[in-house]
């Protein structure tokens, strides 16, 4: 059974890179990344609700009132992550930011597994797991510094923004663990995913209102949605697949392995997105150092899972 979650986690991670391209188009069409993300999480919640109805598991929604309240708030992490990406990307650069997100994910995953937090089965880290995690982090460093301009982005007094990026990455495996607890409560993964995205929707609406009312953010312009390419809408499917796969995979293969595999899938697809300019994104040459970083990252994930 666990072997099934290896390719599923890789695919789910690859879909995150696809989601980024789709979200870029949706952001351009609406004139607001916050509005674009709000639309995506609404669609994901509706999609998973429909799947729950189609699979005959929608009755599990009725059990929500009996579960501990904090088992249902995993979706807040989505809003925190999205808001953080929008804040740190202009200040640290995309490649550096993503590198810090990955580092936060891996460190939080190792902590969840090592201490058995939030219902995750406690697993004493094996030497191979520690070595694999170190290899993933080394690969991330190579990917970051393999991108032109990364050193400049890290210069100056940006420690606070770097810390925010690490925290934003760390909340993703925490979200997976909390959603896993809700799955134990309700026993219906699609219902859990729908609840997670419903909470994410409320959180993103709050973020959107704060940016509009208190920070003078740009008002969404929905007219551009008519001319947006069809694939600009697939971010909801990608996000729903990622979130559902992670919280189902964590109890089976462990947090570090699940997150490591999704990170690997994301980086593999990102290489193609950057190299060929998929989803109307700028083409970027793939440096030898960045390519080597992805290879080391994959070897690290293999060490975590295989050994």
Protein backbone atom coordinates (compact mmCIF):
# COMPACT_ATOMS: atom_id res chain seq x y z
CA UNK A 1 0.00 0.00 0.00
CA UNK A 2 2.77 2.43 0.91
CA UNK A 3 4.40 2.03 -2.52
CA UNK A 4 1.29 3.59 -4.07
CA UNK A 5 1.88 6.83 -2.16
CA UNK A 6 5.39 7.28 -3.58
CA UNK A 7 4.25 8.12 -7.14
CA UNK A 8 1.10 9.83 -5.83
CA UNK A 9 3.16 12.17 -3.64
CA UNK A 10 5.55 12.92 -6.50
CA UNK A 11 2.62 13.76 -8.79
CA UNK A 12 0.95 15.88 -6.09
CA UNK A 13 4.16 17.87 -5.67
CA UNK A 14 4.48 18.34 -9.42
CA UNK A 15 0.95 19.72 -9.49
CA UNK A 16 2.07 22.50 -7.13
CA UNK A 17 4.32 23.82 -9.89
CA UNK A 18 1.38 23.60 -12.30
CA UNK A 19 -0.80 25.41 -9.75
CA UNK A 20 1.75 28.23 -9.57
CA UNK A 21 1.48 28.75 -13.32
CA UNK A 22 -2.30 28.65 -13.24
CA UNK A 23 -2.43 31.01 -10.28
CA UNK A 24 -0.18 33.46 -12.11
CA UNK A 25 -2.73 33.65 -14.92
CA UNK A 26 -5.63 33.97 -12.50
CA UNK A 27 -3.78 36.72 -10.62
CA UNK A 28 -3.17 38.58 -13.87
CA UNK A 29 -6.83 38.25 -14.85
CA UNK A 30 -8.15 39.54 -11.51
CA UNK A 31 -5.38 42.04 -10.78
CA UNK A 32 -4.99 40.61 -7.27
CA UNK A 33 -3.09 37.51 -6.12
CA UNK A 34 -5.21 37.43 -2.97
CA UNK A 35 -8.43 37.41 -5.01
CA UNK A 36 -6.99 34.74 -7.31
CA UNK A 37 -6.16 32.49 -4.37
CA UNK A 38 -9.59 33.08 -2.82
CA UNK A 39 -11.21 31.95 -6.08
CA UNK A 40 -8.99 28.87 -6.18
CA UNK A 41 -9.77 27.72 -2.64
CA UNK A 42 -13.51 28.28 -3.16
CA UNK A 43 -13.41 26.12 -6.29
CA UNK A 44 -11.35 23.45 -4.50
CA UNK A 45 -13.86 23.33 -1.63
CA UNK A 46 -16.75 22.96 -4.09
CA UNK A 47 -14.90 20.32 -6.12
CA UNK A 48 -14.10 18.16 -3.09
CA UNK A 49 -17.67 18.55 -1.81
CA UNK A 50 -18.97 17.23 -5.13
CA UNK A 51 -16.53 14.32 -5.01
CA UNK A 52 -17.68 13.54 -1.46
CA UNK A 53 -21.31 13.48 -2.65
CA UNK A 54 -20.41 11.32 -5.66
CA UNK A 55 -18.56 8.81 -3.46
CA UNK A 56 -21.36 8.62 -0.91
CA UNK A 57 -19.29 10.00 1.96
CA UNK A 58 -20.94 13.42 2.33
CA UNK A 59 -22.79 12.26 5.46
CA UNK A 60 -19.48 12.65 7.30
CA UNK A 61 -20.02 16.41 7.25
CA UNK A 62 -22.59 15.81 9.99
CA UNK A 63 -19.90 14.61 12.39
CA UNK A 64 -17.96 17.88 12.28
CA UNK A 65 -19.70 19.29 15.35
CA UNK A 66 -18.41 16.48 17.55
CA UNK A 67 -14.68 16.85 16.76
CA UNK A 68 -12.20 19.10 18.63
CA UNK A 69 -12.30 22.54 17.02
CA UNK A 70 -8.60 22.64 16.25
CA UNK A 71 -8.83 19.45 14.18
CA UNK A 72 -10.82 21.49 11.65
CA UNK A 73 -8.54 24.53 11.23
CA UNK A 74 -5.86 23.05 8.99
CA UNK A 75 -7.03 25.29 6.15
CA UNK A 76 -5.73 28.38 7.98
CA UNK A 77 -2.24 27.27 6.93
CA UNK A 78 -3.20 27.81 3.28
CA UNK A 79 -3.95 31.49 3.89
CA UNK A 80 -0.79 31.95 5.96
CA UNK A 81 1.33 30.32 3.28
CA UNK A 82 -0.22 32.30 0.42
CA UNK A 83 0.00 35.63 2.25
CA UNK A 84 3.62 34.91 3.15
CA UNK A 85 4.58 34.08 -0.43
CA UNK A 86 3.12 37.36 -1.66
CA UNK A 87 5.03 39.27 1.03
CA UNK A 88 8.42 37.57 0.73
CA UNK A 89 8.71 37.00 -3.03
CA UNK A 90 9.37 40.69 -3.85
CA UNK A 91 11.80 40.98 -0.94
CA UNK A 92 13.81 37.76 -1.26
CA UNK A 93 13.17 36.67 -4.83
CA UNK A 94 11.18 33.62 -5.97
CA UNK A 95 13.99 31.04 -5.95
CA UNK A 96 15.34 32.03 -2.52
CA UNK A 97 11.80 32.13 -1.10
CA UNK A 98 10.94 28.67 -2.43
CA UNK A 99 14.22 27.33 -1.05
CA UNK A 100 13.34 28.62 2.41
CA UNK A 101 9.79 27.23 2.13
CA UNK A 102 11.24 23.79 1.37
CA UNK A 103 13.70 24.04 4.26
CA UNK A 104 10.81 24.90 6.60
CA UNK A 105 8.77 21.96 5.31
CA UNK A 106 11.59 19.46 5.80
CA UNK A 107 12.56 20.67 9.27
CA UNK A 108 8.92 20.67 10.46
CA UNK A 109 8.38 17.21 8.96
CA UNK A 110 11.41 15.83 10.76
CA UNK A 111 10.14 17.32 14.02
CA UNK A 112 6.64 15.87 13.60
CA UNK A 113 8.03 12.40 12.93
CA UNK A 114 10.70 12.52 15.64
CA UNK A 115 8.43 13.70 18.46
CA UNK A 116 5.14 12.16 17.30
CA UNK A 117 3.36 15.50 17.33
CA UNK A 118 -0.26 16.14 16.23
CA UNK A 119 -1.12 12.47 16.01
CA UNK A 120 1.79 11.57 13.72
CA UNK A 121 3.29 8.16 14.54
CA UNK A 122 6.55 8.75 16.40
CA UNK A 123 9.57 7.48 14.50
CA UNK A 124 13.08 7.73 15.90
CA UNK A 125 15.11 9.21 13.03
CA UNK A 126 17.41 6.66 11.41
CA UNK A 127 20.87 7.79 10.29
CA UNK A 128 19.69 7.49 6.69
CA UNK A 129 16.72 9.78 7.44
CA UNK A 130 18.95 12.43 8.96
CA UNK A 131 21.43 12.10 6.10
CA UNK A 132 18.60 12.26 3.57
CA UNK A 133 17.14 15.38 5.17
CA UNK A 134 20.59 16.98 5.18
CA UNK A 135 20.94 16.08 1.49
CA UNK A 136 17.56 17.65 0.68
CA UNK A 137 18.61 20.85 2.44
CA UNK A 138 21.97 20.80 0.64
CA UNK A 139 20.11 20.36 -2.63
CA UNK A 140 17.90 23.33 -1.79
CA UNK A 141 20.98 25.47 -1.11
CA UNK A 142 22.45 24.44 -4.47
CA UNK A 143 19.16 25.23 -6.24
CA UNK A 144 19.02 28.65 -4.59
CA UNK A 145 22.59 29.63 -5.36
CA UNK A 146 22.34 28.08 -8.81
CA UNK A 147 19.88 30.81 -9.79
CA UNK A 148 21.31 34.08 -11.03
CA UNK A 149 20.93 36.92 -8.51
CA UNK A 150 20.26 34.70 -5.48
CA UNK A 151 23.31 35.94 -3.57
CA UNK A 152 22.16 39.53 -4.01
CA UNK A 153 18.68 38.66 -2.74
CA UNK A 154 20.16 37.22 0.46
CA UNK A 155 22.21 40.32 1.17
CA UNK A 156 21.15 43.05 3.57
CA UNK A 157 19.00 42.93 6.69
CA UNK A 158 16.31 40.43 5.65
CA UNK A 159 16.42 38.01 8.56
CA UNK A 160 12.79 38.68 9.49
CA UNK A 161 11.53 37.92 5.99
CA UNK A 162 13.69 34.79 5.85
CA UNK A 163 12.21 33.62 9.15
CA UNK A 164 8.69 34.24 7.82
CA UNK A 165 9.48 32.12 4.74
CA UNK A 166 10.71 29.26 6.95
CA UNK A 167 7.55 29.45 9.08
CA UNK A 168 5.34 29.57 5.97
CA UNK A 169 6.97 26.37 4.74
CA UNK A 170 6.71 24.71 8.15
CA UNK A 171 2.92 25.20 8.38
CA UNK A 172 2.30 22.96 5.34
CA UNK A 173 3.26 19.63 6.99
CA UNK A 174 1.52 20.84 10.16
CA UNK A 175 -1.60 21.34 8.05
CA UNK A 176 -1.24 17.78 6.73
CA UNK A 177 -0.97 16.39 10.26
CA UNK A 178 -4.01 18.33 11.52
CA UNK A 179 -6.05 17.24 8.52
CA UNK A 180 -4.94 13.69 9.29
CA UNK A 181 -6.49 14.01 12.76
CA UNK A 182 -9.74 15.21 11.18
CA UNK A 183 -9.67 12.22 8.88
CA UNK A 184 -9.40 9.93 11.91
CA UNK A 185 -12.44 11.72 13.35
CA UNK A 186 -14.61 11.63 10.23
CA UNK A 187 -13.15 8.78 8.18
CA UNK A 188 -13.81 10.52 4.84
CA UNK A 189 -10.80 12.07 3.06
CA UNK A 190 -12.77 14.10 0.53
CA UNK A 191 -14.95 15.58 3.27
CA UNK A 192 -11.80 16.49 5.21
CA UNK A 193 -10.34 18.16 2.12
CA UNK A 194 -13.55 20.11 1.54
CA UNK A 195 -13.57 21.31 5.16
CA UNK A 196 -9.91 22.30 4.93
CA UNK A 197 -10.56 24.40 1.84
CA UNK A 198 -13.73 25.89 3.32
CA UNK A 199 -11.66 27.11 6.27
CA UNK A 200 -9.02 28.31 3.81
CA UNK A 201 -11.73 30.25 1.98
CA UNK A 202 -12.83 32.06 5.14
CA UNK A 203 -9.19 32.78 5.99
CA UNK A 204 -8.44 34.13 2.51
CA UNK A 205 -11.55 36.33 2.57
CA UNK A 206 -10.24 37.81 5.83
CA UNK A 207 -6.79 38.37 4.26
CA UNK A 208 -8.40 39.94 1.18
CA UNK A 209 -10.50 42.32 3.29
CA UNK A 210 -7.47 43.35 5.36
CA UNK A 211 -5.46 44.15 2.23
CA UNK A 212 -8.34 46.13 0.73
CA UNK A 213 -9.49 48.04 3.80
CA UNK A 214 -6.33 48.52 5.83
CA UNK A 215 -3.47 48.26 3.36
CA UNK A 216 -4.99 49.90 0.31
CA UNK A 217 -4.57 46.85 -1.91
CA UNK A 218 -5.78 46.73 -5.51
CA UNK A 219 -9.46 45.94 -5.96
CA UNK A 220 -10.11 42.71 -7.90
CA UNK A 221 -11.16 43.19 -11.52
CA UNK A 222 -13.15 40.15 -12.61
CA UNK A 223 -13.60 41.26 -16.21
CA UNK A 224 -10.28 39.70 -17.19
CA UNK A 225 -11.56 36.23 -16.36
CA UNK A 226 -13.39 36.11 -19.71
CA UNK A 227 -10.14 36.18 -21.68
CA UNK A 228 -8.10 33.95 -19.37
CA UNK A 229 -6.89 30.63 -20.89
CA UNK A 230 -8.81 27.56 -19.75
CA UNK A 231 -5.85 26.17 -17.85
CA UNK A 232 -5.90 29.21 -15.58
CA UNK A 233 -8.74 27.45 -13.73
CA UNK A 234 -6.95 24.17 -12.97
CA UNK A 235 -5.17 25.48 -9.87
CA UNK A 236 -8.12 24.35 -7.74
CA UNK A 237 -7.75 20.76 -8.96
CA UNK A 238 -4.00 20.87 -8.29
CA UNK A 239 -4.45 22.27 -4.80
CA UNK A 240 -7.20 19.82 -3.91
CA UNK A 241 -5.08 16.89 -5.09
CA UNK A 242 -2.01 18.08 -3.17
CA UNK A 243 -3.78 18.69 0.15
CA UNK A 244 -5.73 15.42 0.05
CA UNK A 245 -2.70 13.35 -0.96
CA UNK A 246 -0.49 14.76 1.80
CA UNK A 247 -2.79 14.09 4.75
CA UNK A 248 -3.63 10.62 3.45
CA UNK A 249 0.03 9.76 2.78
CA UNK A 250 1.49 10.99 6.08
CA UNK A 251 0.12 8.15 8.27
CA UNK A 252 1.29 5.58 5.71
CA UNK A 253 4.82 6.68 4.74
CA UNK A 254 5.65 9.30 7.38
CA UNK A 255 5.72 13.07 7.28
CA UNK A 256 9.33 13.49 6.14
CA UNK A 257 8.90 11.05 3.26
CA UNK A 258 5.54 12.48 2.14
CA UNK A 259 6.76 16.07 2.20
CA UNK A 260 10.12 15.15 0.68
CA UNK A 261 8.43 13.40 -2.24
CA UNK A 262 6.09 16.32 -2.91
CA UNK A 263 9.07 18.70 -2.80
CA UNK A 264 10.92 16.47 -5.26
CA UNK A 265 7.95 16.40 -7.64
CA UNK A 266 7.61 20.17 -7.42
CA UNK A 267 11.27 20.72 -8.27
CA UNK A 268 11.25 18.26 -11.19
CA UNK A 269 8.26 19.92 -12.84
CA UNK A 270 9.66 23.39 -12.03
CA UNK A 271 12.75 22.58 -14.10
CA UNK A 272 10.56 22.03 -17.16
CA UNK A 273 8.39 25.07 -16.41
CA UNK A 274 11.45 27.31 -16.18
CA UNK A 275 13.34 25.76 -19.09
CA UNK A 276 10.47 25.88 -21.59
CA UNK A 277 8.42 28.76 -20.20
CA UNK A 278 5.27 26.72 -19.66
CA UNK A 279 2.09 28.50 -18.56
CA UNK A 280 3.32 31.75 -20.14
CA UNK A 281 6.00 32.13 -17.49
CA UNK A 282 9.46 33.53 -18.36
CA UNK A 283 11.99 31.05 -19.73
CA UNK A 284 15.05 30.57 -17.53
CA UNK A 285 18.24 28.73 -18.27
CA UNK A 286 18.88 25.85 -15.86
CA UNK A 287 22.38 26.20 -14.43
CA UNK A 288 24.54 23.16 -13.74
CA UNK A 289 24.50 23.97 -10.02
CA UNK A 290 20.70 24.14 -9.91
CA UNK A 291 20.38 20.87 -11.82
CA UNK A 292 22.88 19.24 -9.46
CA UNK A 293 20.87 20.58 -6.52
CA UNK A 294 17.72 18.84 -7.78
CA UNK A 295 19.67 15.58 -8.20
CA UNK A 296 21.02 15.81 -4.62
CA UNK A 297 17.50 16.64 -3.38
CA UNK A 298 16.12 13.52 -5.10
CA UNK A 299 18.89 11.36 -3.62
CA UNK A 300 18.04 12.77 -0.18
CA UNK A 301 14.37 11.91 -0.58
CA UNK A 302 15.33 8.40 -1.72
CA UNK A 303 17.47 7.98 1.41
CA UNK A 304 14.57 9.08 3.63
CA UNK A 305 12.10 6.66 2.04
CA UNK A 306 14.18 3.65 1.03
CA UNK A 307 16.52 3.32 3.98
